[in-house]
Amino acid sequence: MNRRVVVLPEAEDDLVAIYRFVAENDSINHADGLLDKIENKCSSLSELSRRGHRVPELKRMHVGTFREIHFKPYRIIYQVVGNSVFIHAVLDGRRELQELLEKRILG
């Protein structure tokens, strides 16, 4: 089943921040390539949407509806609802994410 992939505004902000950081600290070409690869990884969730594993930080809080896949150090956190996949966050996995996920996902 092919699902529609929706990148939520918070995840769009994450992508912009990643792009800016890489462009400023490496190169615009590298930032362009990285953004394309992350976006392709997100788009790939239209098929086999449930292939990601549960997000450990959220699972510890008994929130099991969110999954994640990885691209390099980045964690793409998403939720499958009906015929749609909602991308909630694209975060650097090297960061401490417990508090950030609690605020963003649990509100």
PDB file of N, CA and C in Angstrom:
ATOM      1  N   MET A   1       0.842  -1.178   0.000  1.00  0.00           N
ATOM      2  CA  MET A   1       0.000   0.000   0.000  1.00  0.00           C
ATOM      3  C   MET A   1       0.888   1.243   0.000  1.00  0.00           C
ATOM      4  N   ASN A   2       0.633   2.135  -0.923  1.00  0.00           N
ATOM      5  CA  ASN A   2       1.342   3.405  -0.949  1.00  0.00           C
ATOM      6  C   ASN A   2       0.596   4.420  -0.100  1.00  0.00           C
ATOM      7  N   ARG A   3       1.326   5.079   0.767  1.00  0.00           N
ATOM      8  CA  ARG A   3       0.741   6.099   1.631  1.00  0.00           C
ATOM      9  C   ARG A   3       1.277   7.464   1.228  1.00  0.00           C
ATOM     10  N   ARG A   4       0.507   8.474   1.545  1.00  0.00           N
ATOM     11  CA  ARG A   4       0.921   9.862   1.332  1.00  0.00           C
ATOM     12  C   ARG A   4       1.859  10.260   2.467  1.00  0.00           C
ATOM     13  N   VAL A   5       2.998  10.854   2.137  1.00  0.00           N
ATOM     14  CA  VAL A   5       3.967  11.303   3.140  1.00  0.00           C
ATOM     15  C   VAL A   5       3.807  12.804   3.324  1.00  0.00           C
ATOM     16  N   VAL A   6       3.580  13.207   4.575  1.00  0.00           N
ATOM     17  CA  VAL A   6       3.383  14.613   4.919  1.00  0.00           C
ATOM     18  C   VAL A   6       4.481  15.023   5.886  1.00  0.00           C
ATOM     19  N   VAL A   7       5.265  16.018   5.496  1.00  0.00           N
ATOM     20  CA  VAL A   7       6.298  16.557   6.375  1.00  0.00           C
ATOM     21  C   VAL A   7       5.674  17.728   7.134  1.00  0.00           C
ATOM     22  N   LEU A   8       5.529  17.553   8.438  1.00  0.00           N
ATOM     23  CA  LEU A   8       4.906  18.577   9.268  1.00  0.00           C
ATOM     24  C   LEU A   8       5.819  19.789   9.427  1.00  0.00           C
ATOM     25  N   PRO A   9       5.268  20.950   9.749  1.00  0.00           N
ATOM     26  CA  PRO A   9       6.078  22.181   9.838  1.00  0.00           C
ATOM     27  C   PRO A   9       7.290  22.068  10.761  1.00  0.00           C
ATOM     28  N   GLU A  10       7.162  21.374  11.879  1.00  0.00           N
ATOM     29  CA  GLU A  10       8.297  21.231  12.788  1.00  0.00           C
ATOM     30  C   GLU A  10       9.439  20.461  12.125  1.00  0.00           C
ATOM     31  N   ALA A  11       9.089  19.442  11.357  1.00  0.00           N
ATOM     32  CA  ALA A  11      10.108  18.669  10.644  1.00  0.00           C
ATOM     33  C   ALA A  11      10.714  19.490   9.513  1.00  0.00           C
ATOM     34  N   GLU A  12       9.903  20.320   8.854  1.00  0.00           N
ATOM     35  CA  GLU A  12      10.435  21.240   7.837  1.00  0.00           C
ATOM     36  C   GLU A  12      11.467  22.165   8.474  1.00  0.00           C
ATOM     37  N   ASP A  13      11.155  22.674   9.667  1.00  0.00           N
ATOM     38  CA  ASP A  13      12.106  23.530  10.387  1.00  0.00           C
ATOM     39  C   ASP A  13      13.397  22.776  10.688  1.00  0.00           C
ATOM     40  N   ASP A  14      13.274  21.502  11.059  1.00  0.00           N
ATOM     41  CA  ASP A  14      14.463  20.678  11.301  1.00  0.00           C
ATOM     42  C   ASP A  14      15.323  20.589  10.048  1.00  0.00           C
ATOM     43  N   LEU A  15      14.670  20.357   8.903  1.00  0.00           N
ATOM     44  CA  LEU A  15      15.407  20.236   7.635  1.00  0.00           C
ATOM     45  C   LEU A  15      16.114  21.540   7.281  1.00  0.00           C
ATOM     46  N   VAL A  16      15.455  22.662   7.504  1.00  0.00           N
ATOM     47  CA  VAL A  16      16.072  23.968   7.240  1.00  0.00           C
ATOM     48  C   VAL A  16      17.290  24.162   8.140  1.00  0.00           C
ATOM     49  N   ALA A  17      17.157  23.804   9.409  1.00  0.00           N
ATOM     50  CA  ALA A  17      18.276  23.956  10.352  1.00  0.00           C
ATOM     51  C   ALA A  17      19.456  23.067   9.962  1.00  0.00           C
ATOM     52  N   ILE A  18      19.173  21.836   9.547  1.00  0.00           N
ATOM     53  CA  ILE A  18      20.238  20.923   9.104  1.00  0.00           C
ATOM     54  C   ILE A  18      20.928  21.501   7.876  1.00  0.00           C
ATOM     55  N   TYR A  19      20.129  21.970   6.923  1.00  0.00           N
ATOM     56  CA  TYR A  19      20.689  22.544   5.697  1.00  0.00           C
ATOM     57  C   TYR A  19      21.602  23.730   6.024  1.00  0.00           C
ATOM     58  N   ARG A  20      21.112  24.645   6.833  1.00  0.00           N
ATOM     59  CA  ARG A  20      21.908  25.835   7.183  1.00  0.00           C
ATOM     60  C   ARG A  20      23.209  25.471   7.875  1.00  0.00           C
ATOM     61  N   PHE A  21      23.117  24.539   8.815  1.00  0.00           N
ATOM     62  CA  PHE A  21      24.313  24.136   9.546  1.00  0.00           C
ATOM     63  C   PHE A  21      25.360  23.563   8.604  1.00  0.00           C
ATOM     64  N   VAL A  22      24.947  22.657   7.729  1.00  0.00           N
ATOM     65  CA  VAL A  22      25.897  22.017   6.806  1.00  0.00           C
ATOM     66  C   VAL A  22      26.421  23.040   5.803  1.00  0.00           C
ATOM     67  N   ALA A  23      25.560  23.917   5.294  1.00  0.00           N
ATOM     68  CA  ALA A  23      25.994  24.935   4.333  1.00  0.00           C
ATOM     69  C   ALA A  23      27.019  25.876   4.957  1.00  0.00           C
ATOM     70  N   GLU A  24      26.802  26.251   6.210  1.00  0.00           N
ATOM     71  CA  GLU A  24      27.723  27.180   6.880  1.00  0.00           C
ATOM     72  C   GLU A  24      29.020  26.518   7.320  1.00  0.00           C
ATOM     73  N   ASN A  25      28.959  25.238   7.673  1.00  0.00           N
ATOM     74  CA  ASN A  25      30.132  24.562   8.235  1.00  0.00           C
ATOM     75  C   ASN A  25      30.833  23.623   7.273  1.00  0.00           C
ATOM     76  N   ASP A  26      30.242  23.397   6.111  1.00  0.00           N
ATOM     77  CA  ASP A  26      30.856  22.526   5.113  1.00  0.00           C
ATOM     78  C   ASP A  26      30.743  23.220   3.760  1.00  0.00           C
ATOM     79  N   SER A  27      29.686  22.918   3.011  1.00  0.00           N
ATOM     80  CA  SER A  27      29.498  23.582   1.725  1.00  0.00           C
ATOM     81  C   SER A  27      28.027  23.528   1.325  1.00  0.00           C
ATOM     82  N   ILE A  28      27.650  24.422   0.449  1.00  0.00           N
ATOM     83  CA  ILE A  28      26.279  24.432  -0.053  1.00  0.00           C
ATOM     84  C   ILE A  28      26.010  23.163  -0.862  1.00  0.00           C
ATOM     85  N   ASN A  29      26.991  22.722  -1.635  1.00  0.00           N
ATOM     86  CA  ASN A  29      26.811  21.492  -2.419  1.00  0.00           C
ATOM     87  C   ASN A  29      26.547  20.294  -1.522  1.00  0.00           C
ATOM     88  N   HIS A  30      27.307  20.198  -0.430  1.00  0.00           N
ATOM     89  CA  HIS A  30      27.104  19.091   0.502  1.00  0.00           C
ATOM     90  C   HIS A  30      25.735  19.209   1.169  1.00  0.00           C
ATOM     91  N   ALA A  31      25.333  20.421   1.528  1.00  0.00           N
ATOM     92  CA  ALA A  31      24.021  20.648   2.137  1.00  0.00           C
ATOM     93  C   ALA A  31      22.902  20.258   1.168  1.00  0.00           C
ATOM     94  N   ASP A  32      23.045  20.637  -0.103  1.00  0.00           N
ATOM     95  CA  ASP A  32      22.049  20.275  -1.116  1.00  0.00           C
ATOM     96  C   ASP A  32      21.913  18.758  -1.238  1.00  0.00           C
ATOM     97  N   GLY A  33      23.054  18.080  -1.325  1.00  0.00           N
ATOM     98  CA  GLY A  33      23.049  16.626  -1.471  1.00  0.00           C
ATOM     99  C   GLY A  33      22.459  15.931  -0.253  1.00  0.00           C
ATOM    100  N   LEU A  34      22.827  16.406   0.928  1.00  0.00           N
ATOM    101  CA  LEU A  34      22.313  15.815   2.155  1.00  0.00           C
ATOM    102  C   LEU A  34      20.806  15.997   2.255  1.00  0.00           C
ATOM    103  N   LEU A  35      20.331  17.195   1.954  1.00  0.00           N
ATOM    104  CA  LEU A  35      18.890  17.463   2.015  1.00  0.00           C
ATOM    105  C   LEU A  35      18.135  16.561   1.034  1.00  0.00           C
ATOM    106  N   ASP A  36      18.652  16.409  -0.173  1.00  0.00           N
ATOM    107  CA  ASP A  36      18.017  15.520  -1.157  1.00  0.00           C
ATOM    108  C   ASP A  36      17.926  14.091  -0.633  1.00  0.00           C
ATOM    109  N   LYS A  37      18.998  13.611  -0.013  1.00  0.00           N
ATOM    110  CA  LYS A  37      19.018  12.233   0.482  1.00  0.00           C
ATOM    111  C   LYS A  37      18.048  12.042   1.644  1.00  0.00           C
ATOM    112  N   ILE A  38      17.982  13.018   2.546  1.00  0.00           N
ATOM    113  CA  ILE A  38      17.041  12.917   3.665  1.00  0.00           C
ATOM    114  C   ILE A  38      15.609  12.960   3.142  1.00  0.00           C
ATOM    115  N   GLU A  39      15.336  13.861   2.203  1.00  0.00           N
ATOM    116  CA  GLU A  39      13.988  13.955   1.634  1.00  0.00           C
ATOM    117  C   GLU A  39      13.599  12.663   0.914  1.00  0.00           C
ATOM    118  N   ASN A  40      14.543  12.051   0.207  1.00  0.00           N
ATOM    119  CA  ASN A  40      14.269  10.774  -0.455  1.00  0.00           C
ATOM    120  C   ASN A  40      13.977   9.674   0.561  1.00  0.00           C
ATOM    121  N   LYS A  41      14.714   9.683   1.660  1.00  0.00           N
ATOM    122  CA  LYS A  41      14.473   8.700   2.723  1.00  0.00           C
ATOM    123  C   LYS A  41      13.069   8.887   3.295  1.00  0.00           C
ATOM    124  N   CYS A  42      12.676  10.140   3.517  1.00  0.00           N
ATOM    125  CA  CYS A  42      11.313  10.419   3.997  1.00  0.00           C
ATOM    126  C   CYS A  42      10.278   9.933   2.990  1.00  0.00           C
ATOM    127  N   SER A  43      10.482  10.238   1.726  1.00  0.00           N
ATOM    128  CA  SER A  43       9.545   9.830   0.675  1.00  0.00           C
ATOM    129  C   SER A  43       9.430   8.316   0.569  1.00  0.00           C
ATOM    130  N   SER A  44      10.511   7.616   0.891  1.00  0.00           N
ATOM    131  CA  SER A  44      10.490   6.153   0.795  1.00  0.00           C
ATOM    132  C   SER A  44       9.503   5.530   1.777  1.00  0.00           C
ATOM    133  N   LEU A  45       9.068   6.309   2.756  1.00  0.00           N
ATOM    134  CA  LEU A  45       8.096   5.799   3.727  1.00  0.00           C
ATOM    135  C   LEU A  45       6.709   5.606   3.129  1.00  0.00           C
ATOM    136  N   SER A  46       6.515   6.050   1.890  1.00  0.00           N
ATOM    137  CA  SER A  46       5.222   5.814   1.244  1.00  0.00           C
ATOM    138  C   SER A  46       4.988   4.314   1.058  1.00  0.00           C
ATOM    139  N   GLU A  47       6.061   3.548   0.985  1.00  0.00           N
ATOM    140  CA  GLU A  47       5.983   2.091   0.883  1.00  0.00           C
ATOM    141  C   GLU A  47       6.632   1.485   2.124  1.00  0.00           C
ATOM    142  N   LEU A  48       6.101   0.402   2.582  1.00  0.00           N
ATOM    143  CA  LEU A  48       6.617  -0.281   3.779  1.00  0.00           C
ATOM    144  C   LEU A  48       6.758   0.699   4.940  1.00  0.00           C
ATOM    145  N   SER A  49       5.708   1.446   5.179  1.00  0.00           N
ATOM    146  CA  SER A  49       5.720   2.532   6.157  1.00  0.00           C
ATOM    147  C   SER A  49       6.016   2.075   7.576  1.00  0.00           C
ATOM    148  N   ARG A  50       5.682   0.867   7.909  1.00  0.00           N
ATOM    149  CA  ARG A  50       5.869   0.408   9.288  1.00  0.00           C
ATOM    150  C   ARG A  50       7.214  -0.288   9.503  1.00  0.00           C
ATOM    151  N   ARG A  51       8.144  -0.103   8.588  1.00  0.00           N
ATOM    152  CA  ARG A  51       9.429  -0.792   8.698  1.00  0.00           C
ATOM    153  C   ARG A  51      10.314  -0.225   9.794  1.00  0.00           C
ATOM    154  N   GLY A  52      10.095   1.010  10.181  1.00  0.00           N
ATOM    155  CA  GLY A  52      10.913   1.609  11.234  1.00  0.00           C
ATOM    156  C   GLY A  52      10.615   0.998  12.588  1.00  0.00           C
ATOM    157  N   HIS A  53      11.541   1.198  13.511  1.00  0.00           N
ATOM    158  CA  HIS A  53      11.314   0.673  14.855  1.00  0.00           C
ATOM    159  C   HIS A  53      10.721   1.759  15.765  1.00  0.00           C
ATOM    160  N   ARG A  54      10.176   1.348  16.875  1.00  0.00           N
ATOM    161  CA  ARG A  54       9.590   2.282  17.835  1.00  0.00           C
ATOM    162  C   ARG A  54      10.670   3.195  18.399  1.00  0.00           C
ATOM    163  N   VAL A  55      10.308   4.420  18.703  1.00  0.00           N
ATOM    164  CA  VAL A  55      11.255   5.404  19.227  1.00  0.00           C
ATOM    165  C   VAL A  55      11.497   5.079  20.705  1.00  0.00           C
ATOM    166  N   PRO A  56      12.734   4.703  21.083  1.00  0.00           N
ATOM    167  CA  PRO A  56      12.987   4.251  22.456  1.00  0.00           C
ATOM    168  C   PRO A  56      12.598   5.274  23.527  1.00  0.00           C
ATOM    169  N   GLU A  57      12.902   6.538  23.296  1.00  0.00           N
ATOM    170  CA  GLU A  57      12.597   7.565  24.293  1.00  0.00           C
ATOM    171  C   GLU A  57      11.093   7.676  24.540  1.00  0.00           C
ATOM    172  N   LEU A  58      10.306   7.496  23.491  1.00  0.00           N
ATOM    173  CA  LEU A  58       8.851   7.577  23.622  1.00  0.00           C
ATOM    174  C   LEU A  58       8.272   6.262  24.146  1.00  0.00           C
ATOM    175  N   LYS A  59       8.877   5.175  23.755  1.00  0.00           N
ATOM    176  CA  LYS A  59       8.418   3.863  24.217  1.00  0.00           C
ATOM    177  C   LYS A  59       8.518   3.773  25.738  1.00  0.00           C
ATOM    178  N   ARG A  60       9.570   4.361  26.315  1.00  0.00           N
ATOM    179  CA  ARG A  60       9.727   4.362  27.776  1.00  0.00           C
ATOM    180  C   ARG A  60       8.596   5.112  28.470  1.00  0.00           C
ATOM    181  N   MET A  61       7.945   6.032  27.730  1.00  0.00           N
ATOM    182  CA  MET A  61       6.825   6.794  28.285  1.00  0.00           C
ATOM    183  C   MET A  61       5.490   6.184  27.850  1.00  0.00           C
ATOM    184  N   HIS A  62       5.546   4.951  27.338  1.00  0.00           N
ATOM    185  CA  HIS A  62       4.361   4.206  26.913  1.00  0.00           C
ATOM    186  C   HIS A  62       3.641   4.870  25.742  1.00  0.00           C
ATOM    187  N   VAL A  63       4.416   5.519  24.879  1.00  0.00           N
ATOM    188  CA  VAL A  63       3.880   6.101  23.652  1.00  0.00           C
ATOM    189  C   VAL A  63       4.468   5.269  22.516  1.00  0.00           C
ATOM    190  N   GLY A  64       3.666   4.366  21.967  1.00  0.00           N
ATOM    191  CA  GLY A  64       4.192   3.429  20.989  1.00  0.00           C
ATOM    192  C   GLY A  64       3.750   3.666  19.565  1.00  0.00           C
ATOM    193  N   THR A  65       3.125   4.799  19.279  1.00  0.00           N
ATOM    194  CA  THR A  65       2.602   5.023  17.928  1.00  0.00           C
ATOM    195  C   THR A  65       3.611   5.677  16.995  1.00  0.00           C
ATOM    196  N   PHE A  66       4.765   6.064  17.499  1.00  0.00           N
ATOM    197  CA  PHE A  66       5.766   6.731  16.678  1.00  0.00           C
ATOM    198  C   PHE A  66       6.879   5.756  16.339  1.00  0.00           C
ATOM    199  N   ARG A  67       7.358   5.867  15.104  1.00  0.00           N
ATOM    200  CA  ARG A  67       8.448   5.023  14.620  1.00  0.00           C
ATOM    201  C   ARG A  67       9.571   5.920  14.119  1.00  0.00           C
ATOM    202  N   GLU A  68      10.699   5.286  13.844  1.00  0.00           N
ATOM    203  CA  GLU A  68      11.814   6.048  13.289  1.00  0.00           C
ATOM    204  C   GLU A  68      12.617   5.195  12.329  1.00  0.00           C
ATOM    205  N   ILE A  69      13.184   5.892  11.346  1.00  0.00           N
ATOM    206  CA  ILE A  69      14.194   5.320  10.468  1.00  0.00           C
ATOM    207  C   ILE A  69      15.389   6.259  10.546  1.00  0.00           C
ATOM    208  N   HIS A  70      16.522   5.794  10.057  1.00  0.00           N
ATOM    209  CA  HIS A  70      17.751   6.571  10.174  1.00  0.00           C
ATOM    210  C   HIS A  70      18.356   6.870   8.813  1.00  0.00           C
ATOM    211  N   PHE A  71      18.979   8.026   8.738  1.00  0.00           N
ATOM    212  CA  PHE A  71      19.856   8.349   7.623  1.00  0.00           C
ATOM    213  C   PHE A  71      21.086   9.015   8.222  1.00  0.00           C
ATOM    214  N   LYS A  72      22.194   8.304   8.155  1.00  0.00           N
ATOM    215  CA  LYS A  72      23.461   8.723   8.759  1.00  0.00           C
ATOM    216  C   LYS A  72      23.208   9.036  10.230  1.00  0.00           C
ATOM    217  N   PRO A  73      23.564  10.240  10.748  1.00  0.00           N
ATOM    218  CA  PRO A  73      23.266  10.409  12.179  1.00  0.00           C
ATOM    219  C   PRO A  73      21.834  10.890  12.435  1.00  0.00           C
ATOM    220  N   TYR A  74      21.055  11.100  11.381  1.00  0.00           N
ATOM    221  CA  TYR A  74      19.738  11.709  11.552  1.00  0.00           C
ATOM    222  C   TYR A  74      18.658  10.662  11.789  1.00  0.00           C
ATOM    223  N   ARG A  75      17.770  11.010  12.695  1.00  0.00           N
ATOM    224  CA  ARG A  75      16.630  10.158  13.028  1.00  0.00           C
ATOM    225  C   ARG A  75      15.376  10.821  12.466  1.00  0.00           C
ATOM    226  N   ILE A  76      14.652  10.087  11.649  1.00  0.00           N
ATOM    227  CA  ILE A  76      13.406  10.577  11.053  1.00  0.00           C
ATOM    228  C   ILE A  76      12.276   9.939  11.848  1.00  0.00           C
ATOM    229  N   ILE A  77      11.564  10.764  12.596  1.00  0.00           N
ATOM    230  CA  ILE A  77      10.524  10.278  13.493  1.00  0.00           C
ATOM    231  C   ILE A  77       9.172  10.546  12.846  1.00  0.00           C
ATOM    232  N   TYR A  78       8.377   9.488  12.754  1.00  0.00           N
ATOM    233  CA  TYR A  78       7.131   9.581  12.001  1.00  0.00           C
ATOM    234  C   TYR A  78       6.027   8.765  12.646  1.00  0.00           C
ATOM    235  N   GLN A  79       4.830   8.977  12.142  1.00  0.00           N
ATOM    236  CA  GLN A  79       3.645   8.284  12.628  1.00  0.00           C
ATOM    237  C   GLN A  79       2.795   7.895  11.417  1.00  0.00           C
ATOM    238  N   VAL A  80       2.342   6.664  11.405  1.00  0.00           N
ATOM    239  CA  VAL A  80       1.454   6.188  10.347  1.00  0.00           C
ATOM    240  C   VAL A  80       0.020   6.306  10.863  1.00  0.00           C
ATOM    241  N   VAL A  81      -0.792   7.065  10.123  1.00  0.00           N
ATOM    242  CA  VAL A  81      -2.207   7.231  10.470  1.00  0.00           C
ATOM    243  C   VAL A  81      -3.016   6.996   9.198  1.00  0.00           C
ATOM    244  N   GLY A  82      -3.735   5.910   9.169  1.00  0.00           N
ATOM    245  CA  GLY A  82      -4.536   5.587   7.993  1.00  0.00           C
ATOM    246  C   GLY A  82      -3.667   5.454   6.754  1.00  0.00           C
ATOM    247  N   ASN A  83      -3.980   6.220   5.722  1.00  0.00           N
ATOM    248  CA  ASN A  83      -3.242   6.181   4.463  1.00  0.00           C
ATOM    249  C   ASN A  83      -2.154   7.244   4.382  1.00  0.00           C
ATOM    250  N   SER A  84      -1.769   7.795   5.534  1.00  0.00           N
ATOM    251  CA  SER A  84      -0.756   8.854   5.540  1.00  0.00           C
ATOM    252  C   SER A  84       0.375   8.531   6.508  1.00  0.00           C
ATOM    253  N   VAL A  85       1.538   9.070   6.189  1.00  0.00           N
ATOM    254  CA  VAL A  85       2.709   9.015   7.063  1.00  0.00           C
ATOM    255  C   VAL A  85       3.050  10.461   7.395  1.00  0.00           C
ATOM    256  N   PHE A  86       3.069  10.781   8.680  1.00  0.00           N
ATOM    257  CA  PHE A  86       3.368  12.132   9.123  1.00  0.00           C
ATOM    258  C   PHE A  86       4.777  12.163   9.703  1.00  0.00           C
ATOM    259  N   ILE A  87       5.643  12.953   9.067  1.00  0.00           N
ATOM    260  CA  ILE A  87       7.002  13.133   9.561  1.00  0.00           C
ATOM    261  C   ILE A  87       6.937  14.230  10.623  1.00  0.00           C
ATOM    262  N   HIS A  88       7.274  13.866  11.866  1.00  0.00           N
ATOM    263  CA  HIS A  88       7.206  14.813  12.983  1.00  0.00           C
ATOM    264  C   HIS A  88       8.537  15.500  13.256  1.00  0.00           C
ATOM    265  N   ALA A  89       9.635  14.811  12.957  1.00  0.00           N
ATOM    266  CA  ALA A  89      10.947  15.384  13.297  1.00  0.00           C
ATOM    267  C   ALA A  89      12.038  14.728  12.465  1.00  0.00           C
ATOM    268  N   VAL A  90      13.073  15.510  12.197  1.00  0.00           N
ATOM    269  CA  VAL A  90      14.315  15.002  11.614  1.00  0.00           C
ATOM    270  C   VAL A  90      15.409  15.571  12.507  1.00  0.00           C
ATOM    271  N   LEU A  91      15.995  14.698  13.340  1.00  0.00           N
ATOM    272  CA  LEU A  91      16.875  15.158  14.406  1.00  0.00           C
ATOM    273  C   LEU A  91      18.233  14.464  14.340  1.00  0.00           C
ATOM    274  N   ASP A  92      19.237  15.174  14.794  1.00  0.00           N
ATOM    275  CA  ASP A  92      20.577  14.614  14.879  1.00  0.00           C
ATOM    276  C   ASP A  92      20.605  13.621  16.034  1.00  0.00           C
ATOM    277  N   GLY A  93      20.841  12.375  15.739  1.00  0.00           N
ATOM    278  CA  GLY A  93      20.833  11.320  16.737  1.00  0.00           C
ATOM    279  C   GLY A  93      21.959  11.414  17.746  1.00  0.00           C
ATOM    280  N   ARG A  94      22.912  12.300  17.526  1.00  0.00           N
ATOM    281  CA  ARG A  94      24.014  12.457  18.477  1.00  0.00           C
ATOM    282  C   ARG A  94      23.627  13.363  19.634  1.00  0.00           C
ATOM    283  N   ARG A  95      22.456  13.983  19.536  1.00  0.00           N
ATOM    284  CA  ARG A  95      21.969  14.875  20.592  1.00  0.00           C
ATOM    285  C   ARG A  95      21.171  14.089  21.628  1.00  0.00           C
ATOM    286  N   GLU A  96      21.040  14.665  22.803  1.00  0.00           N
ATOM    287  CA  GLU A  96      20.144  14.114  23.823  1.00  0.00           C
ATOM    288  C   GLU A  96      18.740  14.527  23.425  1.00  0.00           C
ATOM    289  N   LEU A  97      17.884  13.563  23.143  1.00  0.00           N
ATOM    290  CA  LEU A  97      16.592  13.871  22.547  1.00  0.00           C
ATOM    291  C   LEU A  97      15.392  13.664  23.462  1.00  0.00           C
ATOM    292  N   GLN A  98      15.595  13.104  24.632  1.00  0.00           N
ATOM    293  CA  GLN A  98      14.461  12.791  25.502  1.00  0.00           C
ATOM    294  C   GLN A  98      13.581  14.020  25.752  1.00  0.00           C
ATOM    295  N   GLU A  99      14.173  15.093  26.234  1.00  0.00           N
ATOM    296  CA  GLU A  99      13.392  16.292  26.567  1.00  0.00           C
ATOM    297  C   GLU A  99      12.776  16.919  25.320  1.00  0.00           C
ATOM    298  N   LEU A 100      13.530  16.994  24.245  1.00  0.00           N
ATOM    299  CA  LEU A 100      13.024  17.560  23.009  1.00  0.00           C
ATOM    300  C   LEU A 100      11.816  16.783  22.483  1.00  0.00           C
ATOM    301  N   LEU A 101      11.898  15.465  22.504  1.00  0.00           N
ATOM    302  CA  LEU A 101      10.790  14.634  22.036  1.00  0.00           C
ATOM    303  C   LEU A 101       9.566  14.776  22.944  1.00  0.00           C
ATOM    304  N   GLU A 102       9.807  14.843  24.235  1.00  0.00           N
ATOM    305  CA  GLU A 102       8.688  15.029  25.159  1.00  0.00           C
ATOM    306  C   GLU A 102       7.938  16.316  24.837  1.00  0.00           C
ATOM    307  N   LYS A 103       8.672  17.406  24.618  1.00  0.00           N
ATOM    308  CA  LYS A 103       8.045  18.695  24.328  1.00  0.00           C
ATOM    309  C   LYS A 103       7.332  18.668  22.984  1.00  0.00           C
ATOM    310  N   ARG A 104       8.003  18.146  21.976  1.00  0.00           N
ATOM    311  CA  ARG A 104       7.458  18.204  20.626  1.00  0.00           C
ATOM    312  C   ARG A 104       6.312  17.217  20.394  1.00  0.00           C
ATOM    313  N   ILE A 105       6.487  16.003  20.820  1.00  0.00           N
ATOM    314  CA  ILE A 105       5.507  14.961  20.520  1.00  0.00           C
ATOM    315  C   ILE A 105       4.366  14.955  21.539  1.00  0.00           C
ATOM    316  N   LEU A 106       4.713  15.135  22.794  1.00  0.00           N
ATOM    317  CA  LEU A 106       3.694  15.045  23.830  1.00  0.00           C
ATOM    318  C   LEU A 106       3.109  16.396  24.193  1.00  0.00           C
ATOM    319  N   GLY A 107       3.713  17.439  23.675  1.00  0.00           N
ATOM    320  CA  GLY A 107       3.135  18.726  23.735  1.00  0.00           C
ATOM    321  C   GLY A 107       3.311  19.644  24.823  1.00  0.00           C
TER     322      GLY A 107
END
